[in-house]
Protein backbone atom coordinates (compact mmCIF):
# COMPACT_ATOMS: atom_id res chain seq x y z
CA MET A 1 21.37 139.28 213.93
CA LEU A 2 21.28 141.79 216.80
CA ALA A 3 18.02 140.29 218.13
CA GLU A 4 19.58 136.81 218.16
CA THR A 5 22.63 138.13 220.03
CA GLU A 6 20.35 139.73 222.63
CA ARG A 7 18.32 136.53 222.98
CA ARG A 8 21.45 134.50 223.65
CA SER A 9 22.82 137.14 226.03
CA ALA A 10 19.58 137.17 228.02
CA ALA A 11 20.24 133.63 229.28
CA GLY A 12 21.26 134.50 232.84
CA ARG A 13 22.20 138.12 232.18
CA ASP A 14 20.48 141.43 232.79
CA LEU A 15 22.62 143.45 230.35
CA SER A 16 23.96 143.11 226.84
CA ARG A 17 27.17 144.93 225.94
CA LEU A 18 28.57 144.84 222.44
CA ASP A 19 32.00 146.45 222.27
CA ARG A 20 32.78 148.07 218.96
CA VAL A 21 35.33 150.22 217.16
CA GLY A 22 34.65 153.89 217.83
CA GLY A 23 34.97 155.15 214.27
CA ASN A 24 32.00 153.27 212.80
CA ARG A 25 29.12 155.80 212.66
CA ARG A 26 26.63 153.49 210.97
CA LEU A 27 27.09 150.83 213.63
CA ARG A 28 26.78 153.47 216.38
CA GLU A 29 23.43 154.57 214.95
CA CYS A 30 22.25 150.97 214.60
CA TYR A 31 22.97 150.27 218.28
CA ARG A 32 21.42 153.57 219.38
CA THR A 33 18.24 152.80 217.45
CA ALA A 34 18.14 149.35 219.08
CA GLY A 35 18.21 150.91 222.57
CA TYR A 36 21.92 150.74 223.44
CA THR A 37 23.65 153.58 225.27
CA VAL A 38 27.40 154.14 225.47
CA VAL A 39 28.63 153.43 228.99
CA GLY A 40 32.34 153.88 228.38
CA GLU A 41 35.22 154.11 225.98
CA LEU A 42 38.64 152.45 226.07
CA PRO A 43 41.84 153.70 224.47
CA PRO A 44 42.71 152.19 221.12
CA PRO A 45 44.48 148.83 221.21
CA ASP A 46 47.72 148.47 219.29
CA ALA A 47 46.79 149.35 215.76
CA GLY A 48 47.17 147.20 212.72
CA PRO A 49 46.67 148.34 209.14
CA GLY A 50 43.28 149.97 209.93
CA GLY A 51 44.67 152.67 212.19
CA ARG A 52 43.92 153.45 215.81
CA HIS A 53 40.31 153.85 216.96
CA PRO A 54 38.99 153.77 220.52
CA VAL A 55 36.79 150.88 221.65
CA VAL A 56 33.27 152.05 222.51
CA LEU A 57 31.14 150.15 225.04
CA PRO A 58 27.40 150.28 224.15
CA GLN A 59 25.12 148.55 226.64
CA LYS A 60 21.40 147.70 226.87
CA ARG A 61 19.30 146.42 229.76
CA LEU A 62 17.62 143.16 228.76
CA ARG A 63 15.48 142.75 231.88
CA PRO A 64 14.05 145.25 234.33
CA GLY A 65 16.52 145.95 237.09
């Protein structure tokens, strides 16, 4: 699924960024293993039943820059 997302993102883009909830360690490791690095973090949006977690911004270069 991640490879398909990157393939679609590569159409006219140099970077892929997949924002995610900061508290998900398994997803963080999955992105890291796939070559993504965290380029920023945003404060938590208004929380619903799941609580308040920051939004993490992992990014990966798709083409040489």
